[in-house]
């Protein structure tokens, strides 16, 4: 998968160029009617939602670029050459930008990343009454290494406490962690990106965490 990931970032169709993944990269493609373009992408994913694209052209050309709007994204603006635009694309589909593009045109997105709780489908019995924590494209987990004095397998998380994102440059090569509170003890918990678990001492790990149900 890692060796072939470049094949999943862009694709080309009769409509134009498609951007599927927000990964810093550069691509050169030939569109219809002999249009050759180069697109340079600068991305701060997965820690920040800022992405910038610069178009390289030999002469002005009209064509479409389709940008995937992540399903977790709520903001509805983008910027072309420092001018803010509004878009109507829903999260989870593609935003089509068709216009005459010029050399060195710049397109910018800021996909807002918010830490949140995610409920499992009720048909998954083992996850009923539990939530997973996510921020942007990443799922998070709790490791007992970071949560001394907390039974991460059984203690309940408080749904009332606002989750906080903190950057930790000294942890696992620079990551964003998420802090929250446990319901009964009011102790602070720390969640790390799921893909980084198991890189320190052997310890317990939990993705689907018990949570106190809100009462009316």
N, C-alpha and C. Protein backbone atom coordinates (compact mmCIF):
# COMPACT_ATOMS: atom_id res chain seq x y z
N UNK A 1 0.83 -1.20 0.00
CA UNK A 1 0.00 0.00 0.00
C UNK A 1 0.87 1.26 0.00
N UNK A 2 1.88 1.29 0.86
CA UNK A 2 2.74 2.47 0.94
C UNK A 2 3.49 2.70 -0.37
N UNK A 3 3.87 1.62 -1.03
CA UNK A 3 4.62 1.75 -2.28
C UNK A 3 3.75 2.27 -3.42
N UNK A 4 2.44 2.08 -3.33
CA UNK A 4 1.54 2.48 -4.43
C UNK A 4 0.65 3.66 -4.09
N UNK A 5 0.87 4.31 -2.93
CA UNK A 5 -0.04 5.38 -2.49
C UNK A 5 -0.10 6.53 -3.48
N UNK A 6 0.98 6.77 -4.22
CA UNK A 6 0.98 7.88 -5.19
C UNK A 6 -0.09 7.72 -6.25
N UNK A 7 -0.49 6.46 -6.53
CA UNK A 7 -1.50 6.21 -7.56
C UNK A 7 -2.90 6.63 -7.11
N UNK A 8 -3.07 6.88 -5.82
CA UNK A 8 -4.39 7.19 -5.28
C UNK A 8 -4.60 8.68 -5.02
N UNK A 9 -3.59 9.50 -5.29
CA UNK A 9 -3.71 10.93 -5.00
C UNK A 9 -4.48 11.66 -6.09
N UNK A 10 -4.18 11.36 -7.36
CA UNK A 10 -4.80 12.06 -8.49
C UNK A 10 -5.31 11.05 -9.52
N UNK A 11 -6.25 11.51 -10.35
CA UNK A 11 -6.64 10.76 -11.53
C UNK A 11 -7.12 11.75 -12.59
N UNK A 12 -7.25 11.26 -13.82
CA UNK A 12 -7.66 12.11 -14.95
C UNK A 12 -8.84 11.46 -15.66
N UNK A 13 -9.81 12.29 -16.04
CA UNK A 13 -10.94 11.81 -16.83
C UNK A 13 -11.23 12.83 -17.93
N UNK A 14 -12.29 12.59 -18.70
CA UNK A 14 -12.67 13.54 -19.74
C UNK A 14 -13.03 14.90 -19.15
N UNK A 15 -13.50 14.89 -17.88
CA UNK A 15 -13.91 16.15 -17.26
C UNK A 15 -12.72 17.00 -16.81
N UNK A 16 -11.62 16.35 -16.49
CA UNK A 16 -10.47 17.11 -16.03
C UNK A 16 -9.62 16.33 -15.04
N UNK A 17 -8.96 17.06 -14.13
CA UNK A 17 -8.08 16.47 -13.14
C UNK A 17 -8.80 16.31 -11.81
N UNK A 18 -8.65 15.15 -11.19
CA UNK A 18 -9.29 14.85 -9.90
C UNK A 18 -8.25 14.79 -8.81
N UNK A 19 -8.55 15.43 -7.68
CA UNK A 19 -7.68 15.38 -6.50
C UNK A 19 -8.40 14.59 -5.43
N UNK A 20 -7.85 13.41 -5.09
CA UNK A 20 -8.50 12.51 -4.14
C UNK A 20 -7.92 12.60 -2.73
N UNK A 21 -6.60 12.76 -2.65
CA UNK A 21 -5.93 12.76 -1.35
C UNK A 21 -5.10 14.03 -1.18
N UNK A 22 -5.03 14.51 0.05
CA UNK A 22 -4.29 15.74 0.33
C UNK A 22 -2.94 15.39 0.94
N UNK A 23 -2.01 15.10 0.02
CA UNK A 23 -0.66 14.68 0.37
C UNK A 23 0.31 15.53 -0.44
N UNK A 24 1.27 16.16 0.23
CA UNK A 24 2.23 17.00 -0.48
C UNK A 24 2.85 16.25 -1.65
N UNK A 25 2.76 16.82 -2.86
CA UNK A 25 3.18 16.08 -4.05
C UNK A 25 3.19 17.01 -5.26
N UNK A 26 3.64 16.45 -6.38
CA UNK A 26 3.62 17.17 -7.65
C UNK A 26 3.23 16.18 -8.74
N UNK A 27 2.34 16.61 -9.64
CA UNK A 27 1.91 15.72 -10.71
C UNK A 27 1.87 16.49 -12.03
N UNK A 28 2.26 15.83 -13.11
CA UNK A 28 2.16 16.38 -14.46
C UNK A 28 1.24 15.47 -15.27
N UNK A 29 0.22 16.06 -15.89
CA UNK A 29 -0.75 15.26 -16.64
C UNK A 29 -1.08 15.94 -17.96
N UNK A 30 -1.58 15.14 -18.92
CA UNK A 30 -2.07 15.64 -20.20
C UNK A 30 -3.58 15.49 -20.23
N UNK A 31 -4.28 16.60 -20.36
CA UNK A 31 -5.73 16.57 -20.49
C UNK A 31 -6.10 16.56 -21.96
N UNK A 32 -7.41 16.60 -22.23
CA UNK A 32 -7.86 16.62 -23.62
C UNK A 32 -7.38 17.87 -24.33
N UNK A 33 -7.36 17.80 -25.65
CA UNK A 33 -6.97 18.92 -26.51
C UNK A 33 -5.53 19.34 -26.27
N UNK A 34 -4.69 18.39 -25.85
CA UNK A 34 -3.27 18.67 -25.72
C UNK A 34 -2.89 19.57 -24.58
N UNK A 35 -3.76 19.71 -23.59
CA UNK A 35 -3.46 20.58 -22.45
C UNK A 35 -2.58 19.84 -21.46
N UNK A 36 -1.35 20.32 -21.28
CA UNK A 36 -0.44 19.72 -20.31
C UNK A 36 -0.35 20.65 -19.11
N UNK A 37 -0.58 20.10 -17.92
CA UNK A 37 -0.53 20.91 -16.71
C UNK A 37 0.32 20.22 -15.66
N UNK A 38 0.83 21.05 -14.76
CA UNK A 38 1.54 20.54 -13.59
C UNK A 38 0.87 21.13 -12.36
N UNK A 39 0.58 20.29 -11.40
CA UNK A 39 -0.07 20.73 -10.17
C UNK A 39 0.85 20.40 -9.00
N UNK A 40 1.19 21.42 -8.23
CA UNK A 40 2.05 21.25 -7.07
C UNK A 40 1.20 21.41 -5.82
N UNK A 41 1.21 20.41 -4.95
CA UNK A 41 0.39 20.42 -3.73
C UNK A 41 1.28 20.52 -2.49
N UNK A 42 0.93 21.47 -1.62
CA UNK A 42 1.56 21.59 -0.31
C UNK A 42 0.48 21.31 0.74
N UNK A 43 0.69 20.31 1.58
CA UNK A 43 -0.34 19.89 2.52
C UNK A 43 0.20 19.81 3.94
N UNK A 44 -0.63 20.24 4.90
CA UNK A 44 -0.29 20.11 6.31
C UNK A 44 -1.06 18.97 6.98
N UNK A 45 -1.72 18.14 6.18
CA UNK A 45 -2.39 16.95 6.71
C UNK A 45 -1.36 16.02 7.33
N UNK A 46 -1.71 15.21 8.33
CA UNK A 46 -3.04 15.09 8.94
C UNK A 46 -3.23 15.97 10.17
N UNK A 47 -2.24 16.81 10.51
CA UNK A 47 -2.32 17.58 11.76
C UNK A 47 -3.09 18.89 11.59
N UNK A 48 -3.00 19.48 10.40
CA UNK A 48 -3.75 20.70 10.09
C UNK A 48 -4.43 20.53 8.74
N UNK A 49 -5.53 21.27 8.53
CA UNK A 49 -6.30 21.11 7.31
C UNK A 49 -5.94 22.08 6.20
N UNK A 50 -4.78 22.70 6.27
CA UNK A 50 -4.38 23.68 5.26
C UNK A 50 -3.73 22.98 4.06
N UNK A 51 -4.25 23.28 2.86
CA UNK A 51 -3.72 22.70 1.63
C UNK A 51 -3.64 23.80 0.58
N UNK A 52 -2.52 23.80 -0.14
CA UNK A 52 -2.33 24.81 -1.19
C UNK A 52 -1.92 24.12 -2.48
N UNK A 53 -2.53 24.56 -3.60
CA UNK A 53 -2.20 24.04 -4.92
C UNK A 53 -1.73 25.17 -5.82
N UNK A 54 -0.67 24.92 -6.56
CA UNK A 54 -0.18 25.89 -7.54
C UNK A 54 -0.18 25.23 -8.93
N UNK A 55 -0.77 25.92 -9.90
CA UNK A 55 -0.90 25.39 -11.25
C UNK A 55 0.22 25.93 -12.13
N UNK A 56 0.84 25.03 -12.89
CA UNK A 56 1.88 25.41 -13.84
C UNK A 56 1.37 25.14 -15.25
N UNK A 57 1.31 26.20 -16.07
CA UNK A 57 0.82 26.11 -17.45
C UNK A 57 1.72 26.92 -18.38
N UNK A 58 1.82 26.47 -19.63
CA UNK A 58 2.58 27.24 -20.61
C UNK A 58 1.77 28.41 -21.15
N UNK A 59 0.42 28.29 -21.11
CA UNK A 59 -0.48 29.36 -21.56
C UNK A 59 -1.83 29.16 -20.90
N UNK A 60 -2.68 30.20 -20.82
CA UNK A 60 -4.00 30.07 -20.18
C UNK A 60 -4.84 28.98 -20.84
N UNK A 61 -5.48 28.15 -20.02
CA UNK A 61 -6.33 27.07 -20.53
C UNK A 61 -7.56 26.93 -19.66
N UNK A 62 -8.70 26.55 -20.27
CA UNK A 62 -9.92 26.27 -19.51
C UNK A 62 -10.05 24.77 -19.30
N UNK A 63 -10.22 24.37 -18.07
CA UNK A 63 -10.45 22.96 -17.73
C UNK A 63 -10.96 22.89 -16.30
N UNK A 64 -11.34 21.71 -15.88
CA UNK A 64 -11.90 21.51 -14.54
C UNK A 64 -10.91 20.78 -13.64
N UNK A 65 -10.94 21.17 -12.38
CA UNK A 65 -10.24 20.42 -11.34
C UNK A 65 -11.30 20.05 -10.30
N UNK A 66 -11.35 18.77 -9.94
CA UNK A 66 -12.31 18.29 -8.96
C UNK A 66 -11.60 17.97 -7.65
N UNK A 67 -12.03 18.61 -6.57
CA UNK A 67 -11.42 18.42 -5.27
C UNK A 67 -12.37 17.65 -4.35
N UNK A 68 -11.86 16.61 -3.73
CA UNK A 68 -12.69 15.85 -2.77
C UNK A 68 -12.87 16.65 -1.49
N UNK A 69 -14.12 16.82 -1.07
CA UNK A 69 -14.41 17.48 0.20
C UNK A 69 -14.57 16.39 1.25
N UNK A 70 -13.67 16.32 2.24
CA UNK A 70 -13.74 15.23 3.23
C UNK A 70 -15.09 15.18 3.94
N UNK A 71 -15.52 13.98 4.27
CA UNK A 71 -16.83 13.80 4.91
C UNK A 71 -16.90 14.46 6.28
N UNK A 72 -15.75 14.67 6.93
CA UNK A 72 -15.73 15.28 8.26
C UNK A 72 -15.65 16.80 8.21
N UNK A 73 -15.57 17.36 7.02
CA UNK A 73 -15.34 18.81 6.87
C UNK A 73 -16.67 19.57 6.83
N UNK A 74 -16.73 20.70 7.54
CA UNK A 74 -17.96 21.49 7.61
C UNK A 74 -17.83 22.87 6.93
N UNK A 75 -16.60 23.37 6.79
CA UNK A 75 -16.46 24.72 6.24
C UNK A 75 -16.74 24.72 4.74
N UNK A 76 -17.19 25.87 4.23
CA UNK A 76 -17.68 25.96 2.86
C UNK A 76 -16.98 27.06 2.06
N UNK A 77 -15.70 27.26 2.26
CA UNK A 77 -15.00 28.29 1.50
C UNK A 77 -13.67 27.75 0.97
N UNK A 78 -13.19 28.40 -0.06
CA UNK A 78 -11.84 28.15 -0.58
C UNK A 78 -11.32 29.47 -1.13
N UNK A 79 -10.06 29.51 -1.48
CA UNK A 79 -9.43 30.76 -1.93
C UNK A 79 -8.72 30.51 -3.26
N UNK A 80 -8.98 31.38 -4.23
CA UNK A 80 -8.25 31.37 -5.49
C UNK A 80 -7.54 32.71 -5.64
N UNK A 81 -6.22 32.66 -5.69
CA UNK A 81 -5.41 33.87 -5.84
C UNK A 81 -5.80 34.95 -4.83
N UNK A 82 -5.89 34.53 -3.56
CA UNK A 82 -6.18 35.41 -2.43
C UNK A 82 -7.62 35.93 -2.38
N UNK A 83 -8.49 35.44 -3.23
CA UNK A 83 -9.90 35.84 -3.22
C UNK A 83 -10.75 34.70 -2.69
N UNK A 84 -11.45 34.95 -1.58
CA UNK A 84 -12.26 33.90 -0.96
C UNK A 84 -13.52 33.62 -1.77
N UNK A 85 -13.81 32.35 -1.93
CA UNK A 85 -14.99 31.91 -2.67
C UNK A 85 -15.84 31.01 -1.76
N UNK A 86 -17.14 30.95 -2.04
CA UNK A 86 -18.01 30.02 -1.34
C UNK A 86 -18.35 28.86 -2.27
N UNK A 87 -18.49 27.67 -1.69
CA UNK A 87 -18.88 26.53 -2.51
C UNK A 87 -20.08 25.82 -1.89
N UNK A 88 -20.81 25.10 -2.74
CA UNK A 88 -22.02 24.41 -2.32
C UNK A 88 -21.82 22.90 -2.20
N UNK A 89 -20.61 22.44 -2.44
CA UNK A 89 -20.37 21.00 -2.38
C UNK A 89 -20.57 20.47 -0.97
N UNK A 90 -21.26 19.35 -0.86
CA UNK A 90 -21.50 18.72 0.42
C UNK A 90 -20.28 17.89 0.84
N UNK A 91 -20.05 17.75 2.14
CA UNK A 91 -18.96 16.87 2.58
C UNK A 91 -19.15 15.47 2.03
N UNK A 92 -18.05 14.87 1.59
CA UNK A 92 -18.11 13.53 1.05
C UNK A 92 -18.24 13.46 -0.45
N UNK A 93 -18.35 14.62 -1.14
CA UNK A 93 -18.40 14.63 -2.60
C UNK A 93 -17.31 15.55 -3.13
N UNK A 94 -17.32 15.77 -4.44
CA UNK A 94 -16.25 16.55 -5.07
C UNK A 94 -16.74 17.94 -5.45
N UNK A 95 -15.87 18.91 -5.27
CA UNK A 95 -16.11 20.28 -5.69
C UNK A 95 -15.45 20.48 -7.05
N UNK A 96 -16.24 20.83 -8.07
CA UNK A 96 -15.71 21.04 -9.41
C UNK A 96 -15.43 22.53 -9.63
N UNK A 97 -14.19 22.85 -9.94
CA UNK A 97 -13.82 24.22 -10.27
C UNK A 97 -13.42 24.27 -11.75
N UNK A 98 -14.30 24.87 -12.55
CA UNK A 98 -14.04 24.99 -13.98
C UNK A 98 -13.89 26.46 -14.33
N UNK A 99 -12.77 26.80 -14.93
CA UNK A 99 -12.49 28.18 -15.31
C UNK A 99 -11.27 28.20 -16.21
N UNK A 100 -10.94 29.37 -16.70
CA UNK A 100 -9.69 29.52 -17.44
C UNK A 100 -8.58 29.74 -16.42
N UNK A 101 -7.66 28.79 -16.39
CA UNK A 101 -6.57 28.85 -15.43
C UNK A 101 -5.35 29.49 -16.06
N UNK A 102 -4.58 30.18 -15.24
CA UNK A 102 -3.35 30.82 -15.69
C UNK A 102 -2.15 30.24 -14.95
N UNK A 103 -0.99 30.40 -15.52
CA UNK A 103 0.23 29.93 -14.88
C UNK A 103 0.38 30.59 -13.51
N UNK A 104 0.71 29.77 -12.51
CA UNK A 104 0.92 30.21 -11.13
C UNK A 104 -0.36 30.59 -10.40
N UNK A 105 -1.53 30.20 -10.93
CA UNK A 105 -2.76 30.33 -10.13
C UNK A 105 -2.64 29.47 -8.87
N UNK A 106 -3.19 29.98 -7.76
CA UNK A 106 -3.09 29.28 -6.48
C UNK A 106 -4.49 29.03 -5.92
N UNK A 107 -4.74 27.79 -5.51
CA UNK A 107 -6.00 27.41 -4.87
C UNK A 107 -5.68 26.95 -3.46
N UNK A 108 -6.43 27.47 -2.48
CA UNK A 108 -6.16 27.12 -1.09
C UNK A 108 -7.44 26.65 -0.38
N UNK A 109 -7.29 25.64 0.43
CA UNK A 109 -8.37 25.14 1.27
C UNK A 109 -7.89 25.12 2.72
N UNK A 110 -8.83 25.35 3.62
CA UNK A 110 -8.58 25.12 5.05
C UNK A 110 -9.71 24.23 5.56
N UNK A 111 -9.46 22.95 5.58
CA UNK A 111 -10.45 21.99 6.06
C UNK A 111 -10.37 21.96 7.59
N UNK A 112 -11.41 22.46 8.23
CA UNK A 112 -11.40 22.58 9.68
C UNK A 112 -11.40 21.21 10.34
N UNK A 113 -10.44 21.01 11.23
CA UNK A 113 -10.33 19.74 11.94
C UNK A 113 -10.79 19.94 13.38
N UNK A 114 -11.85 19.25 13.75
CA UNK A 114 -12.44 19.38 15.08
C UNK A 114 -12.46 18.00 15.74
N UNK A 115 -12.01 17.94 16.99
CA UNK A 115 -12.07 16.68 17.74
C UNK A 115 -13.52 16.38 18.11
N UNK A 116 -13.94 15.14 17.92
CA UNK A 116 -15.33 14.81 18.19
C UNK A 116 -15.49 13.34 18.57
N UNK A 117 -16.66 13.04 19.17
CA UNK A 117 -17.03 11.66 19.48
C UNK A 117 -17.81 11.07 18.31
N UNK A 118 -17.58 9.80 18.05
CA UNK A 118 -18.28 9.10 16.97
C UNK A 118 -18.96 7.85 17.52
N UNK A 119 -20.28 7.76 17.37
CA UNK A 119 -21.01 6.59 17.83
C UNK A 119 -20.91 5.47 16.80
N UNK A 120 -20.82 4.25 17.32
CA UNK A 120 -20.83 3.09 16.44
C UNK A 120 -22.26 2.80 15.98
N UNK A 121 -22.39 2.06 14.90
CA UNK A 121 -23.71 1.62 14.46
C UNK A 121 -24.32 0.75 15.56
N UNK A 122 -25.61 0.94 15.88
CA UNK A 122 -26.23 0.19 16.98
C UNK A 122 -26.25 -1.33 16.77
N UNK A 123 -26.08 -1.78 15.55
CA UNK A 123 -26.07 -3.22 15.30
C UNK A 123 -24.81 -3.90 15.81
N UNK A 124 -23.76 -3.10 16.07
CA UNK A 124 -22.52 -3.66 16.61
C UNK A 124 -22.68 -3.72 18.13
N UNK A 125 -23.12 -4.87 18.64
CA UNK A 125 -23.48 -4.99 20.05
C UNK A 125 -22.33 -4.64 20.99
N UNK A 126 -21.12 -5.06 20.64
CA UNK A 126 -19.99 -4.83 21.54
C UNK A 126 -19.63 -3.36 21.68
N UNK A 127 -20.13 -2.52 20.79
CA UNK A 127 -19.81 -1.09 20.84
C UNK A 127 -20.95 -0.22 21.34
N UNK A 128 -22.05 -0.81 21.73
CA UNK A 128 -23.17 -0.01 22.23
C UNK A 128 -22.76 0.72 23.50
N UNK A 129 -23.11 1.99 23.57
CA UNK A 129 -22.73 2.80 24.73
C UNK A 129 -21.27 3.22 24.70
N UNK A 130 -20.65 3.11 23.54
CA UNK A 130 -19.24 3.48 23.41
C UNK A 130 -19.06 4.49 22.26
N UNK A 131 -17.96 5.20 22.30
CA UNK A 131 -17.65 6.16 21.25
C UNK A 131 -16.17 6.04 20.88
N UNK A 132 -15.87 6.36 19.64
CA UNK A 132 -14.48 6.52 19.20
C UNK A 132 -14.23 8.02 19.03
N UNK A 133 -13.01 8.44 19.27
CA UNK A 133 -12.63 9.85 19.15
C UNK A 133 -11.89 10.04 17.83
N UNK A 134 -12.23 11.11 17.12
CA UNK A 134 -11.53 11.40 15.87
C UNK A 134 -11.26 12.89 15.76
N UNK A 135 -10.33 13.23 14.89
CA UNK A 135 -10.03 14.62 14.56
C UNK A 135 -9.58 14.65 13.11
N UNK A 136 -10.34 15.32 12.26
CA UNK A 136 -10.02 15.31 10.85
C UNK A 136 -10.05 13.89 10.31
N UNK A 137 -9.01 13.47 9.60
CA UNK A 137 -9.02 12.13 9.01
C UNK A 137 -8.56 11.03 9.95
N UNK A 138 -8.15 11.38 11.18
CA UNK A 138 -7.54 10.40 12.07
C UNK A 138 -8.48 9.92 13.17
N UNK A 139 -8.42 8.61 13.45
CA UNK A 139 -9.07 8.02 14.61
C UNK A 139 -8.05 7.97 15.74
N UNK A 140 -8.51 8.22 16.96
CA UNK A 140 -7.62 8.24 18.12
C UNK A 140 -7.93 7.08 19.06
N UNK A 141 -6.96 6.79 19.93
CA UNK A 141 -7.16 5.73 20.92
C UNK A 141 -6.54 6.16 22.25
N UNK A 142 -6.92 5.47 23.31
CA UNK A 142 -6.33 5.69 24.63
C UNK A 142 -5.37 4.55 24.93
N UNK A 143 -4.18 4.89 25.37
CA UNK A 143 -3.22 3.89 25.85
C UNK A 143 -3.04 4.10 27.35
N UNK A 144 -2.94 3.01 28.09
CA UNK A 144 -2.77 3.13 29.54
C UNK A 144 -1.46 3.80 29.90
N UNK A 145 -0.48 3.78 29.00
CA UNK A 145 0.80 4.45 29.23
C UNK A 145 0.61 5.94 29.52
N UNK A 146 -0.35 6.58 28.84
CA UNK A 146 -0.60 8.01 29.01
C UNK A 146 -1.64 8.31 30.07
N UNK A 147 -2.31 7.28 30.56
CA UNK A 147 -3.48 7.49 31.41
C UNK A 147 -3.37 6.71 32.73
N UNK A 148 -2.34 7.04 33.49
CA UNK A 148 -2.11 6.39 34.78
C UNK A 148 -3.28 6.72 35.72
N UNK A 149 -3.74 5.74 36.43
CA UNK A 149 -4.84 5.95 37.37
C UNK A 149 -6.21 5.92 36.74
N UNK A 150 -6.27 5.60 35.44
CA UNK A 150 -7.54 5.49 34.74
C UNK A 150 -7.65 4.08 34.17
N UNK A 151 -8.79 3.45 34.39
CA UNK A 151 -9.06 2.14 33.80
C UNK A 151 -9.67 2.39 32.43
N UNK A 152 -8.82 2.45 31.41
CA UNK A 152 -9.31 2.84 30.08
C UNK A 152 -10.27 1.82 29.49
N UNK A 153 -10.27 0.60 30.02
CA UNK A 153 -11.16 -0.44 29.48
C UNK A 153 -12.56 -0.37 30.07
N UNK A 154 -12.69 0.28 31.23
CA UNK A 154 -13.99 0.26 31.91
C UNK A 154 -14.51 1.63 32.34
N UNK A 155 -13.64 2.59 32.67
CA UNK A 155 -14.10 3.90 33.10
C UNK A 155 -14.80 4.64 31.97
N UNK A 156 -15.78 5.46 32.33
CA UNK A 156 -16.57 6.17 31.32
C UNK A 156 -16.04 7.59 31.10
N UNK A 157 -16.07 7.99 29.83
CA UNK A 157 -15.68 9.35 29.44
C UNK A 157 -16.86 10.30 29.67
N UNK A 158 -16.54 11.54 30.01
CA UNK A 158 -17.58 12.55 30.15
C UNK A 158 -17.92 13.15 28.79
N UNK A 159 -19.22 13.15 28.42
CA UNK A 159 -19.60 13.75 27.14
C UNK A 159 -19.74 15.26 27.22
N UNK A 160 -19.69 15.81 28.43
CA UNK A 160 -19.92 17.24 28.61
C UNK A 160 -18.65 18.08 28.42
N UNK A 161 -17.50 17.44 28.58
CA UNK A 161 -16.24 18.18 28.53
C UNK A 161 -15.81 18.37 27.09
N UNK A 162 -15.44 19.60 26.74
CA UNK A 162 -15.03 19.91 25.38
C UNK A 162 -13.65 19.32 25.11
N UNK A 163 -13.54 18.50 24.08
CA UNK A 163 -12.27 17.89 23.72
C UNK A 163 -11.28 18.95 23.25
N UNK A 164 -10.02 18.84 23.67
CA UNK A 164 -9.00 19.81 23.33
C UNK A 164 -7.86 19.16 22.56
N UNK A 165 -7.43 19.82 21.49
CA UNK A 165 -6.33 19.34 20.67
C UNK A 165 -5.05 20.06 21.09
N UNK A 166 -3.98 19.30 21.32
CA UNK A 166 -2.70 19.87 21.72
C UNK A 166 -1.59 19.24 20.90
N UNK A 167 -0.71 20.07 20.37
CA UNK A 167 0.44 19.54 19.63
C UNK A 167 1.55 19.17 20.60
N UNK A 168 2.15 17.99 20.40
CA UNK A 168 3.24 17.50 21.25
C UNK A 168 4.44 17.15 20.38
N UNK A 169 5.32 18.12 20.13
CA UNK A 169 6.46 17.86 19.24
C UNK A 169 7.44 16.84 19.78
N UNK A 170 7.43 16.60 21.11
CA UNK A 170 8.36 15.65 21.72
C UNK A 170 7.78 14.24 21.84
N UNK A 171 6.57 14.02 21.36
CA UNK A 171 5.92 12.72 21.50
C UNK A 171 5.83 12.02 20.14
N UNK A 172 6.44 10.85 20.05
CA UNK A 172 6.34 10.00 18.86
C UNK A 172 6.66 10.75 17.56
N UNK A 173 7.63 11.67 17.65
CA UNK A 173 8.06 12.37 16.45
C UNK A 173 7.17 13.52 16.04
N UNK A 174 6.42 14.09 16.96
CA UNK A 174 5.55 15.27 16.73
C UNK A 174 4.15 14.85 16.31
N UNK A 175 3.23 14.85 17.28
CA UNK A 175 1.84 14.46 17.00
C UNK A 175 0.88 15.44 17.70
N UNK A 176 -0.37 15.39 17.27
CA UNK A 176 -1.44 16.07 17.99
C UNK A 176 -2.11 15.06 18.91
N UNK A 177 -2.27 15.43 20.18
CA UNK A 177 -3.01 14.58 21.10
C UNK A 177 -4.36 15.24 21.39
N UNK A 178 -5.28 14.47 21.95
CA UNK A 178 -6.59 15.01 22.34
C UNK A 178 -6.78 14.76 23.82
N UNK A 179 -7.20 15.80 24.53
CA UNK A 179 -7.45 15.70 25.97
C UNK A 179 -8.94 15.80 26.24
N UNK A 180 -9.40 15.02 27.21
CA UNK A 180 -10.78 15.08 27.66
C UNK A 180 -10.84 14.74 29.14
N UNK A 181 -12.06 14.52 29.66
CA UNK A 181 -12.22 14.21 31.09
C UNK A 181 -13.03 12.92 31.26
N UNK A 182 -12.70 12.19 32.31
CA UNK A 182 -13.48 11.02 32.69
C UNK A 182 -14.70 11.49 33.49
N UNK A 183 -15.76 10.70 33.46
CA UNK A 183 -17.03 11.15 34.05
C UNK A 183 -16.99 11.16 35.57
N UNK A 184 -16.68 10.07 36.21
CA UNK A 184 -16.80 9.97 37.66
C UNK A 184 -15.63 10.62 38.39
N UNK A 185 -14.41 10.42 37.90
CA UNK A 185 -13.23 10.92 38.62
C UNK A 185 -12.82 12.33 38.20
N UNK A 186 -13.31 12.78 37.06
CA UNK A 186 -12.94 14.08 36.50
C UNK A 186 -11.45 14.15 36.12
N UNK A 187 -10.82 12.98 36.05
CA UNK A 187 -9.41 12.95 35.64
C UNK A 187 -9.29 13.22 34.15
N UNK A 188 -8.20 13.86 33.78
CA UNK A 188 -7.98 14.15 32.37
C UNK A 188 -7.39 12.91 31.68
N UNK A 189 -7.94 12.60 30.49
CA UNK A 189 -7.37 11.51 29.71
C UNK A 189 -6.65 12.09 28.49
N UNK A 190 -5.77 11.30 27.93
CA UNK A 190 -5.02 11.67 26.73
C UNK A 190 -5.25 10.59 25.67
N UNK A 191 -5.59 11.02 24.47
CA UNK A 191 -5.76 10.11 23.34
C UNK A 191 -4.71 10.43 22.29
N UNK A 192 -4.14 9.39 21.69
CA UNK A 192 -3.14 9.57 20.64
C UNK A 192 -3.69 8.99 19.33
N UNK A 193 -3.12 9.38 18.18
CA UNK A 193 -3.57 8.78 16.92
C UNK A 193 -3.45 7.26 16.94
N UNK A 194 -4.49 6.60 16.48
CA UNK A 194 -4.54 5.14 16.54
C UNK A 194 -3.36 4.49 15.83
N UNK A 195 -2.93 5.08 14.70
CA UNK A 195 -1.87 4.43 13.94
C UNK A 195 -0.52 4.45 14.66
N UNK A 196 -0.43 5.20 15.78
CA UNK A 196 0.83 5.28 16.51
C UNK A 196 0.86 4.43 17.77
N UNK A 197 -0.20 3.66 18.03
CA UNK A 197 -0.23 2.91 19.28
C UNK A 197 0.81 1.78 19.22
N UNK A 198 1.24 1.34 20.42
CA UNK A 198 2.16 0.22 20.52
C UNK A 198 3.60 0.57 20.21
N UNK A 199 3.97 1.85 20.24
CA UNK A 199 5.34 2.26 19.93
C UNK A 199 6.16 2.58 21.16
N UNK A 200 5.60 2.30 22.34
CA UNK A 200 6.35 2.55 23.57
C UNK A 200 6.33 1.28 24.41
N UNK A 201 6.06 1.37 25.66
CA UNK A 201 6.04 0.16 26.50
C UNK A 201 4.76 -0.64 26.25
N UNK A 202 4.77 -1.95 26.50
CA UNK A 202 3.54 -2.75 26.38
C UNK A 202 2.48 -2.22 27.34
N UNK A 203 1.26 -2.03 26.84
CA UNK A 203 0.19 -1.49 27.70
C UNK A 203 -1.15 -1.76 27.05
N UNK A 204 -2.22 -1.50 27.81
CA UNK A 204 -3.58 -1.66 27.28
C UNK A 204 -3.90 -0.52 26.31
N UNK A 205 -4.79 -0.81 25.36
CA UNK A 205 -5.20 0.19 24.37
C UNK A 205 -6.69 0.05 24.11
N UNK A 206 -7.37 1.17 23.90
CA UNK A 206 -8.82 1.15 23.66
C UNK A 206 -9.18 2.19 22.61
N UNK A 207 -9.97 1.78 21.60
CA UNK A 207 -10.49 2.71 20.59
C UNK A 207 -11.95 3.06 20.90
N UNK A 208 -12.77 2.04 21.15
CA UNK A 208 -14.18 2.27 21.47
C UNK A 208 -14.32 2.38 22.98
N UNK A 209 -14.50 3.62 23.44
CA UNK A 209 -14.49 3.92 24.87
C UNK A 209 -15.91 4.05 25.43
N UNK A 210 -16.08 3.58 26.65
CA UNK A 210 -17.37 3.76 27.32
C UNK A 210 -17.59 5.24 27.59
N UNK A 211 -18.84 5.67 27.50
CA UNK A 211 -19.16 7.08 27.72
C UNK A 211 -20.45 7.19 28.54
N UNK A 212 -20.48 8.17 29.41
CA UNK A 212 -21.68 8.40 30.22
C UNK A 212 -22.79 8.93 29.32
N UNK A 213 -23.97 8.36 29.41
CA UNK A 213 -25.08 8.80 28.61
C UNK A 213 -25.63 10.13 29.12
N UNK A 214 -25.93 11.01 28.17
CA UNK A 214 -26.51 12.30 28.57
C UNK A 214 -27.94 12.09 29.03
N UNK A 215 -28.31 12.84 30.06
CA UNK A 215 -29.67 12.74 30.58
C UNK A 215 -30.40 14.05 30.38
N UNK A 216 -31.65 13.96 30.00
CA UNK A 216 -32.46 15.17 29.78
C UNK A 216 -32.92 15.78 31.10
